[in-house]
Amino acid sequence: MHNASYPALRLRRTRASAWSRALHAETVLTPADLIWPLFVVEGEGVEQPISTMPGVSRWSVDRIVERARVARDLGIPCLALFPNTPEPLRTDDGGEALNPDNLMCRATRAIRDAVPEVGILTDVALDPYTAHGHDGLIDAAGYVLNDATKDVLVSQALNQARAGADIIAPSDMMDGRVAAIREALEGEGFVNVQIMAYAAKYASAFYGPFRDAVGSRGRLQGDKKTYQMNPANAEEALREVALDLAEGADTVMVKPGLPYLDIIRRVKERFEVPVFAYAVSGEYAMIEAAAAAGAGDRDALVLESLMSLKRAGCSGVLTYHAPLAARLMAR
C-alpha cells in the first residue's frame, strides 16, 4: 500500500532511461570544446614518443600538418603548439624565440597554409628556448626579471602573430605582459589576434611530463615559485584574472585543471568571461597509468574528467586526450 507520507518527487524518475538522462543533461561536451596541444621537433617524417606521456609524441613540422588534418576531421577547432628547441639553440636569453624561422613559426605557417580552417594557439614564454629552463631572463642570483622578460615576450608574440597565430597565449606569469602584448598587436594591425592569458597558472607538481616533452626538465635552475602561483591561494587567482582582463585578455586560463576546479568556478562566477583549463601532462599521465594498471576505464575516465571541467565553468579545455575524446563523442 502506498505510504501517503512518501515524497511524491522521485529524482530517479528522470534517470530511469538513456533518452531521459540525455534530455535532462545539464552539461554538454562536444569536440568543439577541445584544444589539442602538440609538440614540434626538428626533422622530416619524425615521430618521437614521449616516455612519460604514453600515446603522445613530438612531431616534425610535416607530421604536425597531418595532425591538423586529423583535428579538422574530428571537429577539434584549435591546436596549441609547443616546440622542442634543439640544444645548440637554447641560450640564456632565449633568443631563438624571436627567430621568424623557428620551429613554432614554421609549424604555424605550415598549418595555416595546409589546414586554414583550424585555429592555432601559440605559447608565449621563454622556457622552451632558455638554457636554464626558466620562462624569462634571469639575473646573477637566478631570479627571473619581470620587465626585461616582458619586452622579449612582446617581440616573441609579434613574431608568432606574423607567422599566422590566431591566439597568443602568454604562459610566463610576468606582471603586465598582457597589456604590453595587446598594445604591440594593435600597433602592428593584428587586431583580431586573440590573447588567451594563462591568468592563474600554479607552481604545480603536475607539469613534469610536459618538461620532458619540450626538453626543459633537468636544466631548470631552482623552481618557478617566484612567478607561478602558490597552490594554497585562491583570492590571488581572482586578482590575477582581473588584471589580465583589464589589460586586454580575451579569454583566461586556469592551469592545471582537475586540482583547481574551485578556481575555475570562482573565476567564471566572478567575471562571467570565457574560462579555459589546461588538463596538464601530469593529469594525462595519471589517467594513462590508471588505465594501464587496470584501475579504471580510460575512455570513461577521459570523458568524465573533461565533463567535470566543463561543468565547473570552462568554455573549453586543452587536453592531450582531445583526439580520443572527440572519437568517443562521435560514437
Protein backbone atom coordinates (compact mmCIF):
# COMPACT_ATOMS: atom_id res chain seq x y z
CA MET A 1 0.00 0.00 0.00
CA HIS A 2 1.25 3.47 -0.92
CA ASN A 3 2.55 5.48 2.00
CA ALA A 4 0.98 8.93 1.66
CA SER A 5 3.88 10.50 3.51
CA TYR A 6 6.41 9.23 0.98
CA PRO A 7 7.78 12.06 -1.24
CA ALA A 8 5.88 12.49 -4.48
CA LEU A 9 9.02 13.64 -6.25
CA ARG A 10 11.46 10.86 -7.11
CA LEU A 11 14.69 12.23 -8.59
CA ARG A 12 15.50 8.79 -10.00
CA ARG A 13 12.47 9.09 -12.28
CA THR A 14 14.37 11.15 -14.88
CA ARG A 15 17.39 8.82 -14.66
CA ALA A 16 15.48 5.65 -15.47
CA SER A 17 16.26 5.56 -19.22
CA ALA A 18 19.07 6.70 -21.51
CA TRP A 19 16.89 9.07 -23.54
CA SER A 20 15.70 10.79 -20.37
CA ARG A 21 19.21 11.10 -18.97
CA ALA A 22 20.25 12.76 -22.25
CA LEU A 23 17.24 15.07 -22.20
CA HIS A 24 17.98 16.24 -18.67
CA ALA A 25 21.76 16.59 -19.00
CA GLU A 26 22.82 19.99 -17.68
CA THR A 27 26.26 19.99 -19.30
CA VAL A 28 27.08 19.08 -22.88
CA LEU A 29 30.56 18.14 -24.06
CA THR A 30 31.42 18.28 -27.77
CA PRO A 31 34.64 18.16 -29.85
CA ALA A 32 34.26 21.94 -30.26
CA ASP A 33 35.18 22.26 -26.56
CA LEU A 34 38.67 20.87 -27.14
CA ILE A 35 42.09 22.36 -27.87
CA TRP A 36 44.76 19.79 -28.77
CA PRO A 37 48.32 20.55 -27.55
CA LEU A 38 51.07 19.30 -29.87
CA PHE A 39 54.86 19.20 -29.57
CA VAL A 40 57.04 20.16 -32.54
CA VAL A 41 60.54 18.83 -33.20
CA GLU A 42 63.13 19.32 -35.94
CA GLY A 43 63.43 16.97 -38.90
CA GLU A 44 61.15 15.44 -41.50
CA GLY A 45 58.86 12.46 -41.08
CA VAL A 46 59.73 12.38 -37.38
CA GLU A 47 57.62 10.96 -34.57
CA GLN A 48 59.29 10.81 -31.15
CA PRO A 49 57.22 9.08 -28.45
CA ILE A 50 57.42 10.75 -25.03
CA SER A 51 58.07 8.09 -22.41
CA THR A 52 56.33 9.91 -19.55
CA MET A 53 53.25 10.59 -21.70
CA PRO A 54 52.26 7.24 -23.24
CA GLY A 55 50.47 7.82 -26.54
CA VAL A 56 51.86 11.36 -27.02
CA SER A 57 54.73 12.16 -29.37
CA ARG A 58 56.79 15.03 -30.67
CA TRP A 59 56.22 15.59 -34.39
CA SER A 60 58.22 17.22 -37.13
CA VAL A 61 56.53 20.09 -38.97
CA ASP A 62 55.28 17.91 -41.84
CA ARG A 63 53.75 15.44 -39.39
CA ILE A 64 52.18 18.29 -37.38
CA VAL A 65 50.28 19.21 -40.53
CA GLU A 66 48.91 15.66 -40.60
CA ARG A 67 47.73 16.11 -37.01
CA ALA A 68 45.99 19.34 -38.05
CA ARG A 69 44.06 17.42 -40.69
CA VAL A 70 43.07 14.86 -38.05
CA ALA A 71 41.83 17.66 -35.82
CA ARG A 72 39.78 19.18 -38.63
CA ASP A 73 38.18 15.84 -39.47
CA LEU A 74 37.33 15.19 -35.80
CA GLY A 75 35.79 18.63 -35.29
CA ILE A 76 38.55 19.84 -32.94
CA PRO A 77 38.68 23.59 -33.62
CA CYS A 78 42.13 24.57 -32.34
CA LEU A 79 45.68 23.31 -31.87
CA ALA A 80 48.18 24.52 -29.26
CA LEU A 81 51.82 24.34 -30.34
CA PHE A 82 54.92 23.85 -28.18
CA PRO A 83 58.45 23.49 -29.58
CA ASN A 84 61.28 21.20 -28.52
CA THR A 85 64.11 23.55 -29.40
CA PRO A 86 67.40 21.91 -30.46
CA GLU A 87 70.07 22.03 -27.76
CA PRO A 88 72.51 24.31 -29.63
CA LEU A 89 69.79 26.95 -29.96
CA ARG A 90 68.99 27.13 -26.23
CA THR A 91 70.66 30.20 -24.76
CA ASP A 92 70.43 32.20 -21.55
CA ASP A 93 68.48 34.94 -23.36
CA GLY A 94 66.13 32.56 -25.24
CA GLY A 95 66.93 34.37 -28.48
CA GLU A 96 65.57 31.57 -30.68
CA ALA A 97 62.07 32.62 -29.59
CA LEU A 98 62.49 35.70 -31.81
CA ASN A 99 63.68 33.80 -34.89
CA PRO A 100 60.97 34.11 -37.59
CA ASP A 101 62.03 30.70 -38.90
CA ASN A 102 61.98 28.86 -35.56
CA LEU A 103 60.06 25.63 -35.04
CA MET A 104 56.94 27.38 -33.75
CA CYS A 105 56.74 29.79 -36.68
CA ARG A 106 57.43 27.11 -39.30
CA ALA A 107 54.76 24.83 -37.84
CA THR A 108 52.30 27.72 -37.66
CA ARG A 109 52.86 28.68 -41.30
CA ALA A 110 52.62 25.07 -42.45
CA ILE A 111 49.30 24.51 -40.68
CA ARG A 112 47.95 27.86 -41.83
CA ASP A 113 48.76 27.01 -45.46
CA ALA A 114 47.51 23.42 -45.41
CA VAL A 115 44.58 23.48 -42.96
CA PRO A 116 43.42 27.11 -42.68
CA GLU A 117 40.14 26.21 -41.02
CA VAL A 118 41.87 25.04 -37.82
CA GLY A 119 42.82 27.66 -35.21
CA ILE A 120 46.40 27.92 -33.96
CA LEU A 121 47.29 28.84 -30.38
CA THR A 122 50.94 29.65 -29.74
CA ASP A 123 52.69 29.63 -26.39
CA VAL A 124 54.49 32.81 -25.35
CA ALA A 125 57.17 32.08 -22.75
CA LEU A 126 60.91 31.53 -22.91
CA ASP A 127 61.28 28.17 -21.15
CA PRO A 128 61.45 26.11 -24.39
CA TYR A 129 64.28 28.35 -25.56
CA THR A 130 66.42 29.08 -22.47
CA ALA A 131 69.45 27.11 -21.38
CA HIS A 132 68.37 27.48 -17.75
CA GLY A 133 64.75 26.33 -18.27
CA HIS A 134 63.06 29.41 -16.83
CA ASP A 135 60.22 31.26 -18.54
CA GLY A 136 62.19 34.51 -18.65
CA LEU A 137 65.54 36.23 -18.34
CA ILE A 138 67.38 35.72 -15.06
CA ASP A 139 69.82 37.79 -13.04
CA ALA A 140 73.05 36.59 -11.42
CA ALA A 141 71.09 35.17 -8.49
CA GLY A 142 68.75 33.20 -10.76
CA TYR A 143 65.75 35.49 -10.18
CA VAL A 144 63.50 35.95 -13.22
CA LEU A 145 63.48 39.60 -14.28
CA ASN A 146 59.93 40.75 -14.89
CA ASP A 147 60.23 43.87 -17.06
CA ALA A 148 63.17 42.75 -19.18
CA THR A 149 61.36 39.46 -19.82
CA LYS A 150 58.15 41.31 -20.72
CA ASP A 151 59.94 43.17 -23.51
CA VAL A 152 61.19 39.89 -25.02
CA LEU A 153 57.73 38.34 -24.73
CA VAL A 154 56.26 41.21 -26.74
CA SER A 155 58.74 40.52 -29.54
CA GLN A 156 58.01 36.80 -29.32
CA ALA A 157 54.27 37.43 -29.57
CA LEU A 158 54.71 39.64 -32.64
CA ASN A 159 56.95 37.01 -34.23
CA GLN A 160 54.21 34.39 -33.79
CA ALA A 161 51.44 36.71 -34.98
CA ARG A 162 53.39 37.45 -38.16
CA ALA A 163 53.66 33.68 -38.74
CA GLY A 164 49.86 33.37 -38.58
CA ALA A 165 48.96 32.60 -34.96
CA ASP A 166 45.26 33.08 -34.14
CA ILE A 167 45.64 33.06 -30.34
CA ILE A 168 48.65 34.32 -28.43
CA ALA A 169 48.81 32.53 -25.08
CA PRO A 170 51.34 34.03 -22.64
CA SER A 171 52.14 31.32 -20.09
CA ASP A 172 55.04 33.07 -18.36
CA MET A 173 53.14 34.77 -15.48
CA MET A 174 55.11 38.03 -15.73
CA ASP A 175 53.25 41.08 -14.42
CA GLY A 176 51.98 43.46 -17.09
CA ARG A 177 52.74 41.33 -20.11
CA VAL A 178 49.15 41.13 -21.41
CA ALA A 179 48.84 44.91 -21.74
CA ALA A 180 52.20 45.17 -23.49
CA ILE A 181 51.38 42.34 -25.92
CA ARG A 182 47.92 43.76 -26.68
CA GLU A 183 49.37 47.20 -27.40
CA ALA A 184 52.01 45.72 -29.70
CA LEU A 185 49.48 43.57 -31.58
CA GLU A 186 47.20 46.55 -32.12
CA GLY A 187 50.16 48.68 -33.22
CA GLU A 188 51.05 46.19 -35.95
CA GLY A 189 47.48 45.75 -37.14
CA PHE A 190 46.86 42.32 -35.58
CA VAL A 191 43.55 43.50 -34.20
CA ASN A 192 41.84 40.11 -34.47
CA VAL A 193 44.62 38.06 -32.89
CA GLN A 194 43.26 36.86 -29.57
CA ILE A 195 45.07 36.75 -26.25
CA MET A 196 44.32 33.77 -24.01
CA ALA A 197 46.12 34.63 -20.79
CA TYR A 198 47.46 31.94 -18.54
CA ALA A 199 45.97 34.04 -15.77
CA ALA A 200 46.01 31.58 -12.86
CA LYS A 201 48.95 29.29 -13.54
CA TYR A 202 50.07 27.47 -10.43
CA ALA A 203 53.55 26.25 -9.46
CA SER A 204 52.32 22.70 -9.78
CA ALA A 205 53.87 19.25 -9.41
CA PHE A 206 51.74 18.12 -12.37
CA TYR A 207 53.97 19.65 -15.08
CA GLY A 208 56.78 17.09 -15.08
CA PRO A 209 55.96 15.17 -18.29
CA PHE A 210 55.48 18.44 -20.20
CA ARG A 211 59.02 19.47 -19.31
CA ASP A 212 60.20 16.17 -20.76
CA ALA A 213 58.24 16.91 -23.92
CA VAL A 214 59.80 20.33 -24.52
CA GLY A 215 63.23 19.31 -23.22
CA SER A 216 63.37 21.64 -20.22
CA ARG A 217 63.37 19.11 -17.38
CA GLY A 218 66.78 18.62 -15.83
CA ARG A 219 68.03 22.03 -16.93
CA LEU A 220 65.79 24.07 -14.62
CA GLN A 221 67.82 26.02 -12.08
CA GLY A 222 65.75 26.21 -8.91
CA ASP A 223 61.97 26.35 -9.26
CA LYS A 224 59.27 28.64 -10.64
CA LYS A 225 57.65 29.66 -7.37
CA THR A 226 58.62 33.33 -7.69
CA TYR A 227 56.35 33.76 -10.71
CA GLN A 228 53.87 30.89 -10.85
CA MET A 229 51.13 30.89 -8.22
CA ASN A 230 51.12 29.24 -4.81
CA PRO A 231 48.69 26.27 -4.85
CA ALA A 232 47.45 27.46 -1.45
CA ASN A 233 45.94 30.64 -2.90
CA ALA A 234 42.53 31.31 -4.44
CA GLU A 235 41.87 35.01 -3.84
CA GLU A 236 45.16 35.79 -5.56
CA ALA A 237 43.91 33.95 -8.65
CA LEU A 238 40.94 36.31 -8.85
CA ARG A 239 43.30 39.30 -8.67
CA GLU A 240 45.45 37.83 -11.46
CA VAL A 241 42.40 37.27 -13.67
CA ALA A 242 41.08 40.78 -13.02
CA LEU A 243 44.41 42.29 -14.04
CA ASP A 244 44.71 40.25 -17.24
CA LEU A 245 41.15 41.11 -18.30
CA ALA A 246 41.76 44.81 -17.60
CA GLU A 247 44.92 44.61 -19.72
CA GLY A 248 43.07 43.24 -22.74
CA ALA A 249 42.92 39.45 -22.47
CA ASP A 250 40.05 37.98 -24.49
CA THR A 251 39.96 34.76 -22.51
CA VAL A 252 41.66 33.43 -19.39
CA MET A 253 43.06 30.09 -18.40
CA VAL A 254 43.38 28.16 -15.16
CA LYS A 255 46.25 25.65 -15.06
CA PRO A 256 46.27 22.78 -14.03
CA GLY A 257 42.68 21.63 -14.44
CA LEU A 258 41.22 18.98 -12.13
CA PRO A 259 43.08 20.02 -8.94
CA TYR A 260 41.77 23.58 -9.44
CA LEU A 261 38.07 23.11 -10.19
CA ASP A 262 37.24 25.53 -7.38
CA ILE A 263 39.32 28.24 -9.06
CA ILE A 264 37.58 27.68 -12.39
CA ARG A 265 34.17 28.01 -10.76
CA ARG A 266 35.11 31.15 -8.82
CA VAL A 267 36.60 32.83 -11.89
CA LYS A 268 33.55 32.02 -14.00
CA GLU A 269 31.09 33.28 -11.41
CA ARG A 270 33.06 36.43 -10.61
CA PHE A 271 33.89 37.60 -14.14
CA GLU A 272 31.41 35.86 -16.50
CA VAL A 273 34.03 35.59 -19.24
CA PRO A 274 35.27 32.61 -21.28
CA VAL A 275 37.42 30.46 -19.00
CA PHE A 276 39.65 27.67 -20.26
CA ALA A 277 41.52 24.99 -18.34
CA TYR A 278 44.64 23.09 -19.24
CA ALA A 279 44.37 19.39 -18.36
CA VAL A 280 48.12 19.19 -17.96
CA SER A 281 50.64 16.47 -18.68
CA GLY A 282 50.56 15.03 -15.17
CA GLU A 283 46.77 14.72 -15.31
CA TYR A 284 47.08 12.93 -18.66
CA ALA A 285 49.80 10.62 -17.33
CA MET A 286 47.74 9.68 -14.26
CA ILE A 287 44.78 8.61 -16.39
CA GLU A 288 47.06 6.62 -18.67
CA ALA A 289 48.77 4.96 -15.71
CA ALA A 290 45.45 4.09 -14.10
CA ALA A 291 44.18 2.58 -17.34
CA ALA A 292 47.40 0.61 -17.89
CA ALA A 293 47.19 -0.76 -14.35
CA GLY A 294 43.60 -1.86 -14.81
CA ALA A 295 42.46 0.60 -12.15
CA GLY A 296 39.96 2.35 -14.40
CA ASP A 297 38.50 2.50 -17.88
CA ARG A 298 40.46 5.01 -19.98
CA ASP A 299 37.52 6.13 -22.11
CA ALA A 300 35.25 6.72 -19.13
CA LEU A 301 37.97 8.48 -17.13
CA VAL A 302 38.75 10.83 -20.02
CA LEU A 303 35.15 11.81 -20.68
CA GLU A 304 34.27 12.21 -17.00
CA SER A 305 37.30 14.39 -16.28
CA LEU A 306 36.56 16.62 -19.28
CA MET A 307 32.90 16.84 -18.31
CA SER A 308 33.88 17.93 -14.81
CA LEU A 309 35.99 20.78 -16.21
CA LYS A 310 33.16 21.88 -18.48
CA ARG A 311 30.66 21.63 -15.62
CA ALA A 312 32.87 23.75 -13.40
CA GLY A 313 32.60 26.60 -15.90
CA CYS A 314 35.06 26.01 -18.73
CA SER A 315 34.30 27.14 -22.26
CA GLY A 316 36.96 24.72 -23.43
CA VAL A 317 39.82 22.51 -22.32
CA LEU A 318 43.36 22.00 -23.57
CA THR A 319 43.85 18.25 -23.41
CA TYR A 320 46.23 15.67 -24.86
CA HIS A 321 43.27 13.32 -24.94
CA ALA A 322 41.49 15.56 -27.48
CA PRO A 323 41.50 13.12 -30.45
CA LEU A 324 40.42 10.19 -28.26
CA ALA A 325 37.69 12.26 -26.64
CA ALA A 326 36.43 13.54 -29.99
CA ARG A 327 36.22 9.99 -31.35
CA LEU A 328 34.35 8.83 -28.25
CA MET A 329 31.85 11.68 -28.59
CA ALA A 330 31.19 10.70 -32.21
CA ARG A 331 30.01 7.22 -31.25
